[in-house]
N, C-alpha and C. Protein backbone atom coordinates (compact mmCIF):
# COMPACT_ATOMS: atom_id res chain seq x y z
N MET A 1 127.91 111.22 120.24
CA MET A 1 127.54 112.26 119.31
C MET A 1 126.30 111.87 118.51
N LEU A 2 126.25 110.67 118.04
CA LEU A 2 125.09 110.21 117.28
C LEU A 2 124.18 109.34 118.13
N GLY A 3 124.19 109.57 119.44
CA GLY A 3 123.36 108.80 120.35
C GLY A 3 121.88 108.96 120.07
N TRP A 4 121.46 110.16 119.67
CA TRP A 4 120.05 110.40 119.38
C TRP A 4 119.60 109.58 118.17
N LEU A 5 120.47 109.45 117.18
CA LEU A 5 120.12 108.65 116.00
C LEU A 5 120.00 107.17 116.37
N TRP A 6 120.92 106.69 117.19
CA TRP A 6 120.88 105.31 117.66
C TRP A 6 119.61 105.06 118.45
N SER A 7 119.20 106.02 119.29
CA SER A 7 117.96 105.89 120.07
C SER A 7 116.74 105.83 119.15
N LEU A 8 116.73 106.63 118.09
CA LEU A 8 115.61 106.59 117.14
C LEU A 8 115.53 105.25 116.42
N ILE A 9 116.68 104.71 116.05
CA ILE A 9 116.70 103.41 115.37
C ILE A 9 116.21 102.31 116.30
N VAL A 10 116.72 102.28 117.52
CA VAL A 10 116.30 101.25 118.47
C VAL A 10 114.82 101.43 118.82
N GLY A 11 114.39 102.68 119.00
CA GLY A 11 112.97 102.95 119.27
C GLY A 11 112.09 102.48 118.13
N GLY A 12 112.52 102.71 116.91
CA GLY A 12 111.77 102.22 115.74
C GLY A 12 111.67 100.71 115.70
N LEU A 13 112.78 100.05 116.01
CA LEU A 13 112.76 98.58 116.03
C LEU A 13 111.85 98.04 117.14
N ILE A 14 111.87 98.69 118.29
CA ILE A 14 110.98 98.28 119.39
C ILE A 14 109.53 98.46 118.96
N GLY A 15 109.22 99.57 118.29
CA GLY A 15 107.87 99.80 117.79
C GLY A 15 107.45 98.78 116.76
N VAL A 16 108.37 98.41 115.87
CA VAL A 16 108.07 97.38 114.86
C VAL A 16 107.77 96.05 115.52
N VAL A 17 108.59 95.67 116.50
CA VAL A 17 108.38 94.41 117.21
C VAL A 17 107.02 94.42 117.91
N ALA A 18 106.69 95.54 118.56
CA ALA A 18 105.39 95.64 119.24
C ALA A 18 104.24 95.53 118.24
N GLY A 19 104.38 96.14 117.08
CA GLY A 19 103.36 96.05 116.04
C GLY A 19 103.19 94.65 115.51
N ILE A 20 104.31 93.94 115.36
CA ILE A 20 104.26 92.55 114.88
C ILE A 20 103.61 91.64 115.93
N ILE A 21 103.99 91.81 117.18
CA ILE A 21 103.45 90.97 118.25
C ILE A 21 101.95 91.19 118.40
N THR A 22 101.51 92.46 118.34
CA THR A 22 100.09 92.76 118.52
C THR A 22 99.30 92.61 117.23
N ASN A 23 99.99 92.52 116.11
CA ASN A 23 99.35 92.42 114.80
C ASN A 23 98.45 93.63 114.54
N ARG A 24 98.93 94.82 114.90
CA ARG A 24 98.19 96.07 114.72
C ARG A 24 98.99 97.04 113.87
N ASP A 25 98.28 97.81 113.08
CA ASP A 25 98.90 98.89 112.32
C ASP A 25 99.05 100.11 113.22
N LEU A 26 100.12 100.82 113.06
CA LEU A 26 100.32 102.07 113.78
C LEU A 26 100.16 103.22 112.80
N PRO A 27 99.57 104.33 113.26
CA PRO A 27 99.46 105.48 112.34
C PRO A 27 100.83 106.05 112.01
N ALA A 28 100.94 106.67 110.87
CA ALA A 28 102.14 107.37 110.40
C ALA A 28 103.30 106.43 110.07
N GLY A 29 103.04 105.16 109.87
CA GLY A 29 104.07 104.24 109.41
C GLY A 29 105.27 104.14 110.31
N PHE A 30 106.47 104.33 109.74
CA PHE A 30 107.69 104.15 110.51
C PHE A 30 107.84 105.22 111.59
N ILE A 31 107.34 106.43 111.33
CA ILE A 31 107.36 107.48 112.35
C ILE A 31 106.53 107.03 113.55
N GLY A 32 105.38 106.43 113.29
CA GLY A 32 104.54 105.90 114.38
C GLY A 32 105.26 104.81 115.15
N ASN A 33 106.02 103.97 114.44
CA ASN A 33 106.80 102.92 115.10
C ASN A 33 107.86 103.52 116.01
N ILE A 34 108.53 104.57 115.55
CA ILE A 34 109.55 105.21 116.36
C ILE A 34 108.92 105.81 117.62
N VAL A 35 107.82 106.53 117.43
CA VAL A 35 107.15 107.15 118.58
C VAL A 35 106.67 106.08 119.56
N ALA A 36 106.03 105.02 119.04
CA ALA A 36 105.55 103.95 119.91
C ALA A 36 106.71 103.27 120.63
N GLY A 37 107.83 103.09 119.95
CA GLY A 37 108.99 102.47 120.57
C GLY A 37 109.59 103.34 121.66
N LEU A 38 109.74 104.63 121.40
CA LEU A 38 110.34 105.52 122.39
C LEU A 38 109.42 105.74 123.59
N VAL A 39 108.14 106.00 123.32
CA VAL A 39 107.20 106.20 124.42
C VAL A 39 106.98 104.89 125.17
N GLY A 40 106.91 103.78 124.42
CA GLY A 40 106.76 102.46 125.05
C GLY A 40 107.96 102.11 125.91
N ALA A 41 109.16 102.48 125.46
CA ALA A 41 110.37 102.24 126.25
C ALA A 41 110.31 103.02 127.55
N TRP A 42 109.91 104.27 127.47
CA TRP A 42 109.79 105.09 128.67
C TRP A 42 108.74 104.51 129.61
N LEU A 43 107.58 104.18 129.06
CA LEU A 43 106.48 103.62 129.86
C LEU A 43 106.88 102.28 130.49
N GLY A 44 107.44 101.40 129.68
CA GLY A 44 107.83 100.07 130.16
C GLY A 44 108.88 100.12 131.26
N GLN A 45 109.83 101.04 131.13
CA GLN A 45 110.87 101.14 132.13
C GLN A 45 110.36 101.78 133.42
N ILE A 46 109.37 102.64 133.32
CA ILE A 46 108.76 103.19 134.53
C ILE A 46 107.98 102.11 135.27
N ILE A 47 107.23 101.32 134.52
CA ILE A 47 106.38 100.30 135.14
C ILE A 47 107.19 99.08 135.59
N PHE A 48 108.07 98.58 134.73
CA PHE A 48 108.74 97.31 134.98
C PHE A 48 110.20 97.44 135.39
N GLY A 49 110.76 98.62 135.34
CA GLY A 49 112.15 98.82 135.75
C GLY A 49 113.13 98.58 134.62
N HIS A 50 114.41 98.55 134.98
CA HIS A 50 115.50 98.39 134.02
C HIS A 50 116.15 97.02 134.23
N TRP A 51 115.67 96.02 133.53
CA TRP A 51 116.25 94.69 133.64
C TRP A 51 116.45 94.13 132.24
N GLY A 52 117.30 93.17 132.12
CA GLY A 52 117.57 92.57 130.83
C GLY A 52 118.60 93.37 130.06
N PRO A 53 118.83 92.96 128.83
CA PRO A 53 119.86 93.65 128.03
C PRO A 53 119.47 95.10 127.74
N MET A 54 120.48 95.96 127.67
CA MET A 54 120.29 97.38 127.38
C MET A 54 120.85 97.68 126.00
N LEU A 55 120.14 98.53 125.27
CA LEU A 55 120.59 98.96 123.96
C LEU A 55 120.19 100.42 123.80
N ALA A 56 121.13 101.29 123.52
CA ALA A 56 120.90 102.73 123.38
C ALA A 56 120.23 103.30 124.62
N GLY A 57 120.60 102.80 125.78
CA GLY A 57 120.05 103.30 127.03
C GLY A 57 118.66 102.79 127.36
N MET A 58 118.16 101.82 126.58
CA MET A 58 116.82 101.27 126.80
C MET A 58 116.93 99.80 127.19
N ALA A 59 116.24 99.42 128.26
CA ALA A 59 116.15 98.01 128.63
C ALA A 59 115.18 97.36 127.65
N ILE A 60 115.65 96.40 126.89
CA ILE A 60 114.90 95.88 125.74
C ILE A 60 113.57 95.24 126.15
N PHE A 61 113.56 94.31 127.09
CA PHE A 61 112.32 93.59 127.42
C PHE A 61 111.24 94.50 128.02
N PRO A 62 111.56 95.32 129.03
CA PRO A 62 110.53 96.24 129.52
C PRO A 62 110.06 97.22 128.45
N SER A 63 110.97 97.62 127.56
CA SER A 63 110.61 98.56 126.50
C SER A 63 109.62 97.93 125.53
N ILE A 64 109.86 96.68 125.16
CA ILE A 64 108.93 95.99 124.24
C ILE A 64 107.57 95.80 124.91
N ILE A 65 107.57 95.42 126.17
CA ILE A 65 106.30 95.24 126.89
C ILE A 65 105.56 96.57 126.97
N GLY A 66 106.27 97.65 127.27
CA GLY A 66 105.64 98.97 127.32
C GLY A 66 105.10 99.39 125.97
N ALA A 67 105.84 99.10 124.89
CA ALA A 67 105.38 99.45 123.55
C ALA A 67 104.15 98.62 123.16
N ILE A 68 104.10 97.36 123.57
CA ILE A 68 102.92 96.53 123.31
C ILE A 68 101.70 97.12 124.01
N ILE A 69 101.88 97.50 125.26
CA ILE A 69 100.77 98.12 126.01
C ILE A 69 100.31 99.39 125.30
N LEU A 70 101.27 100.21 124.88
CA LEU A 70 100.94 101.46 124.20
C LEU A 70 100.19 101.21 122.89
N VAL A 71 100.66 100.26 122.09
CA VAL A 71 100.00 99.95 120.82
C VAL A 71 98.58 99.46 121.05
N LEU A 72 98.38 98.61 122.05
CA LEU A 72 97.04 98.10 122.33
C LEU A 72 96.11 99.22 122.81
N VAL A 73 96.62 100.11 123.65
CA VAL A 73 95.79 101.22 124.14
C VAL A 73 95.44 102.18 123.00
N VAL A 74 96.43 102.54 122.19
CA VAL A 74 96.18 103.46 121.07
C VAL A 74 95.22 102.83 120.07
N SER A 75 95.39 101.55 119.76
CA SER A 75 94.50 100.91 118.80
C SER A 75 93.09 100.77 119.37
N ALA A 76 92.95 100.60 120.68
CA ALA A 76 91.61 100.54 121.29
C ALA A 76 90.94 101.91 121.25
N ILE A 77 91.71 102.95 121.52
CA ILE A 77 91.15 104.30 121.53
C ILE A 77 90.73 104.73 120.12
N PHE A 78 91.58 104.49 119.15
CA PHE A 78 91.30 104.94 117.80
C PHE A 78 90.62 103.89 116.93
N GLY A 79 90.37 102.72 117.49
CA GLY A 79 89.68 101.66 116.75
C GLY A 79 90.40 101.20 115.51
N MET A 80 91.72 101.11 115.59
CA MET A 80 92.50 100.66 114.43
C MET A 80 92.22 99.20 114.14
N ARG A 81 92.22 98.89 112.89
CA ARG A 81 91.94 97.53 112.46
C ARG A 81 93.20 96.68 112.46
N LYS A 82 92.97 95.38 112.49
CA LYS A 82 94.12 94.47 112.37
C LYS A 82 94.65 94.54 110.95
N ARG A 83 95.88 94.13 110.79
CA ARG A 83 96.50 94.11 109.48
C ARG A 83 95.83 93.09 108.59
N ARG A 84 95.78 93.42 107.34
CA ARG A 84 95.25 92.48 106.34
C ARG A 84 96.41 91.98 105.50
N ASP A 85 96.89 90.82 105.80
CA ASP A 85 98.05 90.27 105.07
C ASP A 85 97.62 89.42 103.93
């Protein structure tokens, strides 16, 4: 029943992990993280398949790799700057 909420949470976490690994800011904050995580999960599973642990119907490792690819492509297209910590 609340599967969609669980998917949004896991997608957001995947997007956050991808942002941390790439050290890039995503537009729209946490919403951007959710979108990057969900689209990255879809992309990663198409390219790399479904292997490793699954959470909310997403294979975690291919999803993170897909989200990293997505973040790098989006940041290259829009020229996003690295984080200033």
